[in-house]
PDB file of all heavy atoms in Angstrom:
ATOM      1  N   PRO A   1      18.139  -1.196   5.760  1.00  0.00           N
ATOM      2  CA  PRO A   1      17.738  -1.710   7.077  1.00  0.00           C
ATOM      3  C   PRO A   1      17.326  -0.582   8.017  1.00  0.00           C
ATOM      4  O   PRO A   1      17.783   0.557   7.897  1.00  0.00           O
ATOM      5  CB  PRO A   1      19.002  -2.414   7.577  1.00  0.00           C
ATOM      6  CG  PRO A   1      20.124  -1.755   6.847  1.00  0.00           C
ATOM      7  CD  PRO A   1      19.578  -1.404   5.493  1.00  0.00           C
ATOM      8  N   GLY A   2      16.443  -0.926   8.945  1.00  0.00           N
ATOM      9  CA  GLY A   2      16.017   0.033   9.961  1.00  0.00           C
ATOM     10  C   GLY A   2      14.817   0.868   9.564  1.00  0.00           C
ATOM     11  O   GLY A   2      14.445   1.798  10.287  1.00  0.00           O
ATOM     12  N   TRP A   3      14.198   0.519   8.438  1.00  0.00           N
ATOM     13  CA  TRP A   3      13.055   1.284   7.960  1.00  0.00           C
ATOM     14  C   TRP A   3      11.777   0.456   8.000  1.00  0.00           C
ATOM     15  O   TRP A   3      11.758  -0.695   7.562  1.00  0.00           O
ATOM     16  CB  TRP A   3      13.295   1.774   6.529  1.00  0.00           C
ATOM     17  CG  TRP A   3      14.250   2.921   6.469  1.00  0.00           C
ATOM     18  CD1 TRP A   3      15.615   2.870   6.418  1.00  0.00           C
ATOM     19  CD2 TRP A   3      13.898   4.306   6.478  1.00  0.00           C
ATOM     20  NE1 TRP A   3      16.142   4.123   6.392  1.00  0.00           N
ATOM     21  CE2 TRP A   3      15.112   5.035   6.414  1.00  0.00           C
ATOM     22  CE3 TRP A   3      12.692   5.008   6.511  1.00  0.00           C
ATOM     23  CZ2 TRP A   3      15.147   6.433   6.411  1.00  0.00           C
ATOM     24  CZ3 TRP A   3      12.721   6.387   6.495  1.00  0.00           C
ATOM     25  CH2 TRP A   3      13.937   7.092   6.449  1.00  0.00           C
ATOM     26  N   GLU A   4      10.737   1.049   8.545  1.00  0.00           N
ATOM     27  CA  GLU A   4       9.410   0.465   8.441  1.00  0.00           C
ATOM     28  C   GLU A   4       8.901   0.732   7.016  1.00  0.00           C
ATOM     29  O   GLU A   4       8.976   1.861   6.527  1.00  0.00           O
ATOM     30  CB  GLU A   4       8.474   1.113   9.455  1.00  0.00           C
ATOM     31  CG  GLU A   4       7.017   0.657   9.339  1.00  0.00           C
ATOM     32  CD  GLU A   4       6.098   1.463  10.251  1.00  0.00           C
ATOM     33  OE1 GLU A   4       6.311   2.696  10.375  1.00  0.00           O
ATOM     34  OE2 GLU A   4       5.161   0.861  10.816  1.00  0.00           O
ATOM     35  N   VAL A   5       8.374  -0.305   6.360  1.00  0.00           N
ATOM     36  CA  VAL A   5       7.918  -0.163   4.980  1.00  0.00           C
ATOM     37  C   VAL A   5       6.410  -0.402   4.910  1.00  0.00           C
ATOM     38  O   VAL A   5       5.915  -1.457   5.308  1.00  0.00           O
ATOM     39  CB  VAL A   5       8.648  -1.143   4.037  1.00  0.00           C
ATOM     40  CG1 VAL A   5       8.154  -0.948   2.595  1.00  0.00           C
ATOM     41  CG2 VAL A   5      10.158  -0.934   4.114  1.00  0.00           C
ATOM     42  N   LEU A   6       5.704   0.591   4.407  1.00  0.00           N
ATOM     43  CA  LEU A   6       4.254   0.506   4.220  1.00  0.00           C
ATOM     44  C   LEU A   6       3.937   0.632   2.736  1.00  0.00           C
ATOM     45  O   LEU A   6       4.606   1.376   2.012  1.00  0.00           O
ATOM     46  CB  LEU A   6       3.531   1.631   4.967  1.00  0.00           C
ATOM     47  CG  LEU A   6       3.813   1.801   6.451  1.00  0.00           C
ATOM     48  CD1 LEU A   6       3.174   3.090   6.962  1.00  0.00           C
ATOM     49  CD2 LEU A   6       3.278   0.606   7.235  1.00  0.00           C
ATOM     50  N   LEU A   7       2.933  -0.076   2.288  1.00  0.00           N
ATOM     51  CA  LEU A   7       2.408   0.125   0.948  1.00  0.00           C
ATOM     52  C   LEU A   7       0.910   0.376   1.051  1.00  0.00           C
ATOM     53  O   LEU A   7       0.173  -0.453   1.597  1.00  0.00           O
ATOM     54  CB  LEU A   7       2.673  -1.072   0.045  1.00  0.00           C
ATOM     55  CG  LEU A   7       2.178  -0.891  -1.406  1.00  0.00           C
ATOM     56  CD1 LEU A   7       3.219  -1.347  -2.411  1.00  0.00           C
ATOM     57  CD2 LEU A   7       0.856  -1.613  -1.654  1.00  0.00           C
ATOM     58  N   VAL A   8       0.486   1.535   0.594  1.00  0.00           N
ATOM     59  CA  VAL A   8      -0.940   1.856   0.560  1.00  0.00           C
ATOM     60  C   VAL A   8      -1.396   1.700  -0.881  1.00  0.00           C
ATOM     61  O   VAL A   8      -0.935   2.420  -1.773  1.00  0.00           O
ATOM     62  CB  VAL A   8      -1.215   3.283   1.064  1.00  0.00           C
ATOM     63  CG1 VAL A   8      -2.706   3.598   0.978  1.00  0.00           C
ATOM     64  CG2 VAL A   8      -0.727   3.437   2.502  1.00  0.00           C
ATOM     65  N   ASP A   9      -2.293   0.754  -1.102  1.00  0.00           N
ATOM     66  CA  ASP A   9      -2.781   0.494  -2.448  1.00  0.00           C
ATOM     67  C   ASP A   9      -4.147   1.138  -2.632  1.00  0.00           C
ATOM     68  O   ASP A   9      -5.092   0.859  -1.903  1.00  0.00           O
ATOM     69  CB  ASP A   9      -2.880  -1.013  -2.703  1.00  0.00           C
ATOM     70  CG  ASP A   9      -3.392  -1.296  -4.096  1.00  0.00           C
ATOM     71  OD1 ASP A   9      -2.605  -1.150  -5.044  1.00  0.00           O
ATOM     72  OD2 ASP A   9      -4.584  -1.635  -4.239  1.00  0.00           O
ATOM     73  N   ASN A  10      -4.233   2.015  -3.629  1.00  0.00           N
ATOM     74  CA  ASN A  10      -5.464   2.743  -3.907  1.00  0.00           C
ATOM     75  C   ASN A  10      -6.351   1.989  -4.895  1.00  0.00           C
ATOM     76  O   ASN A  10      -6.500   2.369  -6.059  1.00  0.00           O
ATOM     77  CB  ASN A  10      -5.135   4.144  -4.448  1.00  0.00           C
ATOM     78  CG  ASN A  10      -5.120   5.195  -3.350  1.00  0.00           C
ATOM     79  OD1 ASN A  10      -5.781   5.065  -2.326  1.00  0.00           O
ATOM     80  ND2 ASN A  10      -4.354   6.259  -3.572  1.00  0.00           N
ATOM     81  N   ALA A  11      -6.914   0.871  -4.417  1.00  0.00           N
ATOM     82  CA  ALA A  11      -7.911   0.112  -5.179  1.00  0.00           C
ATOM     83  C   ALA A  11      -7.403  -0.310  -6.555  1.00  0.00           C
ATOM     84  O   ALA A  11      -8.092  -0.150  -7.571  1.00  0.00           O
ATOM     85  CB  ALA A  11      -9.204   0.929  -5.319  1.00  0.00           C
ATOM     86  N   SER A  12      -6.204  -0.871  -6.587  1.00  0.00           N
ATOM     87  CA  SER A  12      -5.658  -1.339  -7.863  1.00  0.00           C
ATOM     88  C   SER A  12      -6.515  -2.457  -8.444  1.00  0.00           C
ATOM     89  O   SER A  12      -7.051  -3.293  -7.706  1.00  0.00           O
ATOM     90  CB  SER A  12      -4.228  -1.852  -7.667  1.00  0.00           C
ATOM     91  OG  SER A  12      -3.346  -0.789  -7.364  1.00  0.00           O
ATOM     92  N   GLN A  13      -6.610  -2.462  -9.762  1.00  0.00           N
ATOM     93  CA  GLN A  13      -7.347  -3.514 -10.455  1.00  0.00           C
ATOM     94  C   GLN A  13      -6.411  -4.557 -11.060  1.00  0.00           C
ATOM     95  O   GLN A  13      -6.876  -5.515 -11.679  1.00  0.00           O
ATOM     96  CB  GLN A  13      -8.199  -2.893 -11.567  1.00  0.00           C
ATOM     97  CG  GLN A  13      -9.214  -1.873 -11.072  1.00  0.00           C
ATOM     98  CD  GLN A  13     -10.204  -2.471 -10.078  1.00  0.00           C
ATOM     99  OE1 GLN A  13     -10.820  -3.503 -10.372  1.00  0.00           O
ATOM    100  NE2 GLN A  13     -10.358  -1.848  -8.918  1.00  0.00           N
ATOM    101  N   ASP A  14      -5.106  -4.362 -10.868  1.00  0.00           N
ATOM    102  CA  ASP A  14      -4.146  -5.320 -11.399  1.00  0.00           C
ATOM    103  C   ASP A  14      -3.580  -6.169 -10.247  1.00  0.00           C
ATOM    104  O   ASP A  14      -4.221  -6.332  -9.216  1.00  0.00           O
ATOM    105  CB  ASP A  14      -3.041  -4.607 -12.176  1.00  0.00           C
ATOM    106  CG  ASP A  14      -2.179  -3.703 -11.300  1.00  0.00           C
ATOM    107  OD1 ASP A  14      -2.475  -3.589 -10.090  1.00  0.00           O
ATOM    108  OD2 ASP A  14      -1.203  -3.117 -11.808  1.00  0.00           O
ATOM    109  N   ASP A  15      -2.371  -6.675 -10.413  1.00  0.00           N
ATOM    110  CA  ASP A  15      -1.786  -7.574  -9.422  1.00  0.00           C
ATOM    111  C   ASP A  15      -0.815  -6.866  -8.476  1.00  0.00           C
ATOM    112  O   ASP A  15       0.100  -7.501  -7.942  1.00  0.00           O
ATOM    113  CB  ASP A  15      -1.081  -8.736 -10.108  1.00  0.00           C
ATOM    114  CG  ASP A  15       0.040  -8.288 -11.043  1.00  0.00           C
ATOM    115  OD1 ASP A  15       0.151  -7.062 -11.295  1.00  0.00           O
ATOM    116  OD2 ASP A  15       0.795  -9.156 -11.531  1.00  0.00           O
ATOM    117  N   THR A  16      -1.016  -5.570  -8.249  1.00  0.00           N
ATOM    118  CA  THR A  16      -0.113  -4.815  -7.375  1.00  0.00           C
ATOM    119  C   THR A  16      -0.012  -5.453  -5.994  1.00  0.00           C
ATOM    120  O   THR A  16       1.099  -5.690  -5.484  1.00  0.00           O
ATOM    121  CB  THR A  16      -0.595  -3.359  -7.236  1.00  0.00           C
ATOM    122  OG1 THR A  16      -0.568  -2.727  -8.516  1.00  0.00           O
ATOM    123  CG2 THR A  16       0.299  -2.591  -6.286  1.00  0.00           C
ATOM    124  N   VAL A  17      -1.136  -5.708  -5.361  1.00  0.00           N
ATOM    125  CA  VAL A  17      -1.136  -6.251  -3.993  1.00  0.00           C
ATOM    126  C   VAL A  17      -0.533  -7.651  -3.977  1.00  0.00           C
ATOM    127  O   VAL A  17       0.237  -8.006  -3.068  1.00  0.00           O
ATOM    128  CB  VAL A  17      -2.560  -6.251  -3.420  1.00  0.00           C
ATOM    129  CG1 VAL A  17      -2.597  -6.965  -2.073  1.00  0.00           C
ATOM    130  CG2 VAL A  17      -3.075  -4.818  -3.261  1.00  0.00           C
ATOM    131  N   GLN A  18      -0.852  -8.455  -4.966  1.00  0.00           N
ATOM    132  CA  GLN A  18      -0.304  -9.806  -5.030  1.00  0.00           C
ATOM    133  C   GLN A  18       1.223  -9.774  -5.113  1.00  0.00           C
ATOM    134  O   GLN A  18       1.924 -10.520  -4.423  1.00  0.00           O
ATOM    135  CB  GLN A  18      -0.874 -10.540  -6.238  1.00  0.00           C
ATOM    136  CG  GLN A  18      -0.326 -11.950  -6.420  1.00  0.00           C
ATOM    137  CD  GLN A  18      -0.875 -12.627  -7.673  1.00  0.00           C
ATOM    138  OE1 GLN A  18      -1.811 -12.134  -8.297  1.00  0.00           O
ATOM    139  NE2 GLN A  18      -0.279 -13.737  -8.044  1.00  0.00           N
ATOM    140  N   ARG A  19       1.760  -8.890  -5.944  1.00  0.00           N
ATOM    141  CA  ARG A  19       3.214  -8.784  -6.079  1.00  0.00           C
ATOM    142  C   ARG A  19       3.850  -8.233  -4.796  1.00  0.00           C
ATOM    143  O   ARG A  19       4.908  -8.705  -4.375  1.00  0.00           O
ATOM    144  CB  ARG A  19       3.566  -7.894  -7.270  1.00  0.00           C
ATOM    145  CG  ARG A  19       3.282  -8.516  -8.632  1.00  0.00           C
ATOM    146  CD  ARG A  19       3.520  -7.515  -9.743  1.00  0.00           C
ATOM    147  NE  ARG A  19       3.244  -8.062 -11.055  1.00  0.00           N
ATOM    148  CZ  ARG A  19       4.154  -8.568 -11.878  1.00  0.00           C
ATOM    149  NH1 ARG A  19       5.432  -8.594 -11.498  1.00  0.00           N
ATOM    150  NH2 ARG A  19       3.828  -9.040 -13.060  1.00  0.00           N
ATOM    151  N   ALA A  20       3.207  -7.247  -4.189  1.00  0.00           N
ATOM    152  CA  ALA A  20       3.747  -6.662  -2.966  1.00  0.00           C
ATOM    153  C   ALA A  20       3.741  -7.654  -1.810  1.00  0.00           C
ATOM    154  O   ALA A  20       4.611  -7.594  -0.928  1.00  0.00           O
ATOM    155  CB  ALA A  20       2.960  -5.416  -2.589  1.00  0.00           C
ATOM    156  N   SER A  21       2.777  -8.554  -1.809  1.00  0.00           N
ATOM    157  CA  SER A  21       2.663  -9.517  -0.707  1.00  0.00           C
ATOM    158  C   SER A  21       3.814 -10.510  -0.678  1.00  0.00           C
ATOM    159  O   SER A  21       3.984 -11.245   0.298  1.00  0.00           O
ATOM    160  CB  SER A  21       1.328 -10.262  -0.804  1.00  0.00           C
ATOM    161  OG  SER A  21       1.273 -11.048  -1.982  1.00  0.00           O
ATOM    162  N   ARG A  22       4.629 -10.545  -1.722  1.00  0.00           N
ATOM    163  CA  ARG A  22       5.796 -11.432  -1.738  1.00  0.00           C
ATOM    164  C   ARG A  22       6.908 -10.912  -0.830  1.00  0.00           C
ATOM    165  O   ARG A  22       7.876 -11.639  -0.567  1.00  0.00           O
ATOM    166  CB  ARG A  22       6.324 -11.566  -3.171  1.00  0.00           C
ATOM    167  CG  ARG A  22       5.310 -12.171  -4.142  1.00  0.00           C
ATOM    168  CD  ARG A  22       5.786 -12.063  -5.581  1.00  0.00           C
ATOM    169  NE  ARG A  22       4.768 -12.536  -6.517  1.00  0.00           N
ATOM    170  CZ  ARG A  22       4.840 -12.383  -7.841  1.00  0.00           C
ATOM    171  NH1 ARG A  22       5.899 -11.783  -8.364  1.00  0.00           N
ATOM    172  NH2 ARG A  22       3.870 -12.827  -8.615  1.00  0.00           N
ATOM    173  N   PHE A  23       6.768  -9.670  -0.371  1.00  0.00           N
ATOM    174  CA  PHE A  23       7.793  -9.063   0.476  1.00  0.00           C
ATOM    175  C   PHE A  23       7.280  -9.048   1.916  1.00  0.00           C
ATOM    176  O   PHE A  23       6.411  -8.254   2.278  1.00  0.00           O
ATOM    177  CB  PHE A  23       8.104  -7.641  -0.013  1.00  0.00           C
ATOM    178  CG  PHE A  23       8.674  -7.592  -1.392  1.00  0.00           C
ATOM    179  CD1 PHE A  23       7.840  -7.601  -2.501  1.00  0.00           C
ATOM    180  CD2 PHE A  23      10.051  -7.555  -1.577  1.00  0.00           C
ATOM    181  CE1 PHE A  23       8.365  -7.563  -3.781  1.00  0.00           C
ATOM    182  CE2 PHE A  23      10.585  -7.528  -2.861  1.00  0.00           C
ATOM    183  CZ  PHE A  23       9.738  -7.543  -3.963  1.00  0.00           C
ATOM    184  N   SER A  24       7.829  -9.931   2.712  1.00  0.00           N
ATOM    185  CA  SER A  24       7.292 -10.141   4.061  1.00  0.00           C
ATOM    186  C   SER A  24       7.467  -8.931   4.965  1.00  0.00           C
ATOM    187  O   SER A  24       6.728  -8.772   5.946  1.00  0.00           O
ATOM    188  CB  SER A  24       7.966 -11.362   4.702  1.00  0.00           C
ATOM    189  OG  SER A  24       9.380 -11.185   4.754  1.00  0.00           O
ATOM    190  N   GLN A  25       8.447  -8.071   4.660  1.00  0.00           N
ATOM    191  CA  GLN A  25       8.697  -6.940   5.535  1.00  0.00           C
ATOM    192  C   GLN A  25       7.739  -5.776   5.282  1.00  0.00           C
ATOM    193  O   GLN A  25       7.742  -4.784   6.013  1.00  0.00           O
ATOM    194  CB  GLN A  25      10.152  -6.444   5.370  1.00  0.00           C
ATOM    195  CG  GLN A  25      10.388  -5.454   4.232  1.00  0.00           C
ATOM    196  CD  GLN A  25      10.546  -6.111   2.866  1.00  0.00           C
ATOM    197  OE1 GLN A  25      10.156  -7.258   2.672  1.00  0.00           O
ATOM    198  NE2 GLN A  25      11.124  -5.380   1.928  1.00  0.00           N
ATOM    199  N   VAL A  26       6.919  -5.891   4.250  1.00  0.00           N
ATOM    200  CA  VAL A  26       6.047  -4.785   3.844  1.00  0.00           C
ATOM    201  C   VAL A  26       4.667  -4.944   4.476  1.00  0.00           C
ATOM    202  O   VAL A  26       4.037  -6.008   4.368  1.00  0.00           O
ATOM    203  CB  VAL A  26       5.916  -4.722   2.311  1.00  0.00           C
ATOM    204  CG1 VAL A  26       4.976  -3.588   1.896  1.00  0.00           C
ATOM    205  CG2 VAL A  26       7.286  -4.537   1.669  1.00  0.00           C
ATOM    206  N   ARG A  27       4.217  -3.880   5.111  1.00  0.00           N
ATOM    207  CA  ARG A  27       2.852  -3.851   5.643  1.00  0.00           C
ATOM    208  C   ARG A  27       1.944  -3.253   4.577  1.00  0.00           C
ATOM    209  O   ARG A  27       2.153  -2.112   4.155  1.00  0.00           O
ATOM    210  CB  ARG A  27       2.787  -3.025   6.921  1.00  0.00           C
ATOM    211  CG  ARG A  27       1.382  -2.957   7.531  1.00  0.00           C
ATOM    212  CD  ARG A  27       1.397  -2.151   8.807  1.00  0.00           C
ATOM    213  NE  ARG A  27       0.063  -2.021   9.366  1.00  0.00           N
ATOM    214  CZ  ARG A  27      -0.229  -1.286  10.433  1.00  0.00           C
ATOM    215  NH1 ARG A  27       0.736  -0.621  11.058  1.00  0.00           N
ATOM    216  NH2 ARG A  27      -1.463  -1.219  10.886  1.00  0.00           N
ATOM    217  N   ILE A  28       0.955  -4.003   4.126  1.00  0.00           N
ATOM    218  CA  ILE A  28       0.105  -3.594   3.017  1.00  0.00           C
ATOM    219  C   ILE A  28      -1.254  -3.122   3.541  1.00  0.00           C
ATOM    220  O   ILE A  28      -1.891  -3.792   4.351  1.00  0.00           O
ATOM    221  CB  ILE A  28      -0.092  -4.751   2.017  1.00  0.00           C
ATOM    222  CG1 ILE A  28       1.268  -5.200   1.452  1.00  0.00           C
ATOM    223  CG2 ILE A  28      -1.032  -4.341   0.891  1.00  0.00           C
ATOM    224  CD1 ILE A  28       1.194  -6.440   0.595  1.00  0.00           C
ATOM    225  N   VAL A  29      -1.660  -1.967   3.065  1.00  0.00           N
ATOM    226  CA  VAL A  29      -2.993  -1.439   3.362  1.00  0.00           C
ATOM    227  C   VAL A  29      -3.729  -1.338   2.028  1.00  0.00           C
ATOM    228  O   VAL A  29      -3.312  -0.599   1.136  1.00  0.00           O
ATOM    229  CB  VAL A  29      -2.918  -0.050   4.030  1.00  0.00           C
ATOM    230  CG1 VAL A  29      -4.312   0.494   4.306  1.00  0.00           C
ATOM    231  CG2 VAL A  29      -2.095  -0.118   5.309  1.00  0.00           C
ATOM    232  N   SER A  30      -4.815  -2.091   1.894  1.00  0.00           N
ATOM    233  CA  SER A  30      -5.566  -2.122   0.644  1.00  0.00           C
ATOM    234  C   SER A  30      -6.845  -1.317   0.790  1.00  0.00           C
ATOM    235  O   SER A  30      -7.720  -1.665   1.603  1.00  0.00           O
ATOM    236  CB  SER A  30      -5.899  -3.567   0.251  1.00  0.00           C
ATOM    237  OG  SER A  30      -4.722  -4.317   0.039  1.00  0.00           O
ATOM    238  N   ASN A  31      -6.956  -0.258   0.018  1.00  0.00           N
ATOM    239  CA  ASN A  31      -8.165   0.556   0.031  1.00  0.00           C
ATOM    240  C   ASN A  31      -9.185   0.010  -0.971  1.00  0.00           C
ATOM    241  O   ASN A  31      -8.816  -0.395  -2.078  1.00  0.00           O
ATOM    242  CB  ASN A  31      -7.837   2.012  -0.317  1.00  0.00           C
ATOM    243  CG  ASN A  31      -7.037   2.701   0.776  1.00  0.00           C
ATOM    244  OD1 ASN A  31      -7.180   2.387   1.955  1.00  0.00           O
ATOM    245  ND2 ASN A  31      -6.186   3.640   0.392  1.00  0.00           N
ATOM    246  N   SER A  32     -10.436   0.060  -0.588  1.00  0.00           N
ATOM    247  CA  SER A  32     -11.493  -0.420  -1.473  1.00  0.00           C
ATOM    248  C   SER A  32     -11.862   0.609  -2.532  1.00  0.00           C
ATOM    249  O   SER A  32     -12.552   0.299  -3.495  1.00  0.00           O
ATOM    250  CB  SER A  32     -12.743  -0.776  -0.653  1.00  0.00           C
ATOM    251  OG  SER A  32     -13.202   0.354   0.081  1.00  0.00           O
ATOM    252  N   GLU A  33     -11.399   1.849  -2.336  1.00  0.00           N
ATOM    253  CA  GLU A  33     -11.611   2.892  -3.331  1.00  0.00           C
ATOM    254  C   GLU A  33     -10.347   3.728  -3.429  1.00  0.00           C
ATOM    255  O   GLU A  33      -9.522   3.737  -2.513  1.00  0.00           O
ATOM    256  CB  GLU A  33     -12.799   3.784  -2.947  1.00  0.00           C
ATOM    257  CG  GLU A  33     -12.644   4.490  -1.614  1.00  0.00           C
ATOM    258  CD  GLU A  33     -13.857   5.330  -1.255  1.00  0.00           C
ATOM    259  OE1 GLU A  33     -14.878   5.219  -1.953  1.00  0.00           O
ATOM    260  OE2 GLU A  33     -13.776   6.090  -0.279  1.00  0.00           O
ATOM    261  N   ASN A  34     -10.212   4.417  -4.538  1.00  0.00           N
ATOM    262  CA  ASN A  34      -9.030   5.253  -4.762  1.00  0.00           C
ATOM    263  C   ASN A  34      -9.162   6.537  -3.952  1.00  0.00           C
ATOM    264  O   ASN A  34      -9.993   7.392  -4.265  1.00  0.00           O
ATOM    265  CB  ASN A  34      -8.883   5.571  -6.252  1.00  0.00           C
ATOM    266  CG  ASN A  34      -7.576   6.272  -6.567  1.00  0.00           C
ATOM    267  OD1 ASN A  34      -6.877   6.765  -5.685  1.00  0.00           O
ATOM    268  ND2 ASN A  34      -7.230   6.323  -7.841  1.00  0.00           N
ATOM    269  N   ARG A  35      -8.342   6.682  -2.927  1.00  0.00           N
ATOM    270  CA  ARG A  35      -8.393   7.863  -2.072  1.00  0.00           C
ATOM    271  C   ARG A  35      -7.546   9.005  -2.614  1.00  0.00           C
ATOM    272  O   ARG A  35      -7.495  10.068  -1.991  1.00  0.00           O
ATOM    273  CB  ARG A  35      -7.927   7.496  -0.659  1.00  0.00           C
ATOM    274  CG  ARG A  35      -8.823   6.481   0.035  1.00  0.00           C
ATOM    275  CD  ARG A  35      -8.402   6.219   1.465  1.00  0.00           C
ATOM    276  NE  ARG A  35      -8.362   7.439   2.264  1.00  0.00           N
ATOM    277  CZ  ARG A  35      -8.200   7.452   3.591  1.00  0.00           C
ATOM    278  NH1 ARG A  35      -8.068   6.302   4.245  1.00  0.00           N
ATOM    279  NH2 ARG A  35      -8.165   8.581   4.246  1.00  0.00           N
ATOM    280  N   GLY A  36      -6.891   8.800  -3.746  1.00  0.00           N
ATOM    281  CA  GLY A  36      -6.013   9.814  -4.284  1.00  0.00           C
ATOM    282  C   GLY A  36      -4.658   9.774  -3.588  1.00  0.00           C
ATOM    283  O   GLY A  36      -4.493   9.167  -2.525  1.00  0.00           O
ATOM    284  N   PHE A  37      -3.684  10.428  -4.194  1.00  0.00           N
ATOM    285  CA  PHE A  37      -2.340  10.419  -3.638  1.00  0.00           C
ATOM    286  C   PHE A  37      -2.301  11.083  -2.262  1.00  0.00           C
ATOM    287  O   PHE A  37      -1.747  10.538  -1.306  1.00  0.00           O
ATOM    288  CB  PHE A  37      -1.382  11.130  -4.591  1.00  0.00           C
ATOM    289  CG  PHE A  37       0.054  11.086  -4.158  1.00  0.00           C
ATOM    290  CD1 PHE A  37       0.825   9.960  -4.371  1.00  0.00           C
ATOM    291  CD2 PHE A  37       0.637  12.173  -3.526  1.00  0.00           C
ATOM    292  CE1 PHE A  37       2.157   9.914  -3.962  1.00  0.00           C
ATOM    293  CE2 PHE A  37       1.966  12.149  -3.114  1.00  0.00           C
ATOM    294  CZ  PHE A  37       2.721  11.018  -3.332  1.00  0.00           C
ATOM    295  N   ALA A  38      -2.909  12.262  -2.127  1.00  0.00           N
ATOM    296  CA  ALA A  38      -2.873  12.984  -0.851  1.00  0.00           C
ATOM    297  C   ALA A  38      -3.551  12.187   0.247  1.00  0.00           C
ATOM    298  O   ALA A  38      -3.055  12.090   1.370  1.00  0.00           O
ATOM    299  CB  ALA A  38      -3.523  14.354  -1.006  1.00  0.00           C
ATOM    300  N   GLY A  39      -4.711  11.613  -0.074  1.00  0.00           N
ATOM    301  CA  GLY A  39      -5.423  10.826   0.932  1.00  0.00           C
ATOM    302  C   GLY A  39      -4.633   9.619   1.381  1.00  0.00           C
ATOM    303  O   GLY A  39      -4.613   9.274   2.572  1.00  0.00           O
ATOM    304  N   ALA A  40      -3.964   8.952   0.436  1.00  0.00           N
ATOM    305  CA  ALA A  40      -3.168   7.776   0.787  1.00  0.00           C
ATOM    306  C   ALA A  40      -1.946   8.154   1.611  1.00  0.00           C
ATOM    307  O   ALA A  40      -1.552   7.419   2.530  1.00  0.00           O
ATOM    308  CB  ALA A  40      -2.749   7.037  -0.488  1.00  0.00           C
ATOM    309  N   VAL A  41      -1.335   9.309   1.306  1.00  0.00           N
ATOM    310  CA  VAL A  41      -0.190   9.762   2.105  1.00  0.00           C
ATOM    311  C   VAL A  41      -0.632  10.026   3.538  1.00  0.00           C
ATOM    312  O   VAL A  41       0.018   9.579   4.501  1.00  0.00           O
ATOM    313  CB  VAL A  41       0.447  11.021   1.501  1.00  0.00           C
ATOM    314  CG1 VAL A  41       1.464  11.622   2.477  1.00  0.00           C
ATOM    315  CG2 VAL A  41       1.124  10.696   0.180  1.00  0.00           C
ATOM    316  N   ASN A  42      -1.723  10.741   3.708  1.00  0.00           N
ATOM    317  CA  ASN A  42      -2.221  11.014   5.065  1.00  0.00           C
ATOM    318  C   ASN A  42      -2.557   9.722   5.798  1.00  0.00           C
ATOM    319  O   ASN A  42      -2.291   9.577   7.000  1.00  0.00           O
ATOM    320  CB  ASN A  42      -3.451  11.915   5.002  1.00  0.00           C
ATOM    321  CG  ASN A  42      -3.112  13.337   4.600  1.00  0.00           C
ATOM    322  OD1 ASN A  42      -1.961  13.774   4.708  1.00  0.00           O
ATOM    323  ND2 ASN A  42      -4.096  14.073   4.139  1.00  0.00           N
ATOM    324  N   GLN A  43      -3.134   8.794   5.084  1.00  0.00           N
ATOM    325  CA  GLN A  43      -3.454   7.489   5.671  1.00  0.00           C
ATOM    326  C   GLN A  43      -2.183   6.789   6.126  1.00  0.00           C
ATOM    327  O   GLN A  43      -2.122   6.232   7.236  1.00  0.00           O
ATOM    328  CB  GLN A  43      -4.191   6.649   4.636  1.00  0.00           C
ATOM    329  CG  GLN A  43      -4.652   5.284   5.119  1.00  0.00           C
ATOM    330  CD  GLN A  43      -5.346   4.500   4.011  1.00  0.00           C
ATOM    331  OE1 GLN A  43      -5.242   4.848   2.831  1.00  0.00           O
ATOM    332  NE2 GLN A  43      -6.044   3.446   4.386  1.00  0.00           N
ATOM    333  N   ALA A  44      -1.149   6.819   5.293  1.00  0.00           N
ATOM    334  CA  ALA A  44       0.115   6.159   5.626  1.00  0.00           C
ATOM    335  C   ALA A  44       0.770   6.801   6.835  1.00  0.00           C
ATOM    336  O   ALA A  44       1.274   6.102   7.728  1.00  0.00           O
ATOM    337  CB  ALA A  44       1.057   6.206   4.427  1.00  0.00           C
ATOM    338  N   VAL A  45       0.776   8.133   6.887  1.00  0.00           N
ATOM    339  CA  VAL A  45       1.402   8.816   8.026  1.00  0.00           C
ATOM    340  C   VAL A  45       0.651   8.479   9.316  1.00  0.00           C
ATOM    341  O   VAL A  45       1.270   8.317  10.381  1.00  0.00           O
ATOM    342  CB  VAL A  45       1.433  10.340   7.798  1.00  0.00           C
ATOM    343  CG1 VAL A  45       2.034  11.046   9.009  1.00  0.00           C
ATOM    344  CG2 VAL A  45       2.253  10.676   6.552  1.00  0.00           C
TER     345      VAL A  45
END
C-alpha cells in the first residue's frame, strides 16, 4: 500500500496490456514502438 504503480508497455505483441488491465490500481502506458528499457524508464519517471 501507498505506492503508485505504473506499467510502461514497449509495444508488446502478446496479451501483456490485456492482463495488466485487470489490475485497476495500475496506470498503463502503451507505446506504439519499443523504446527500449532506458527509454521506458525515463518515460515512467
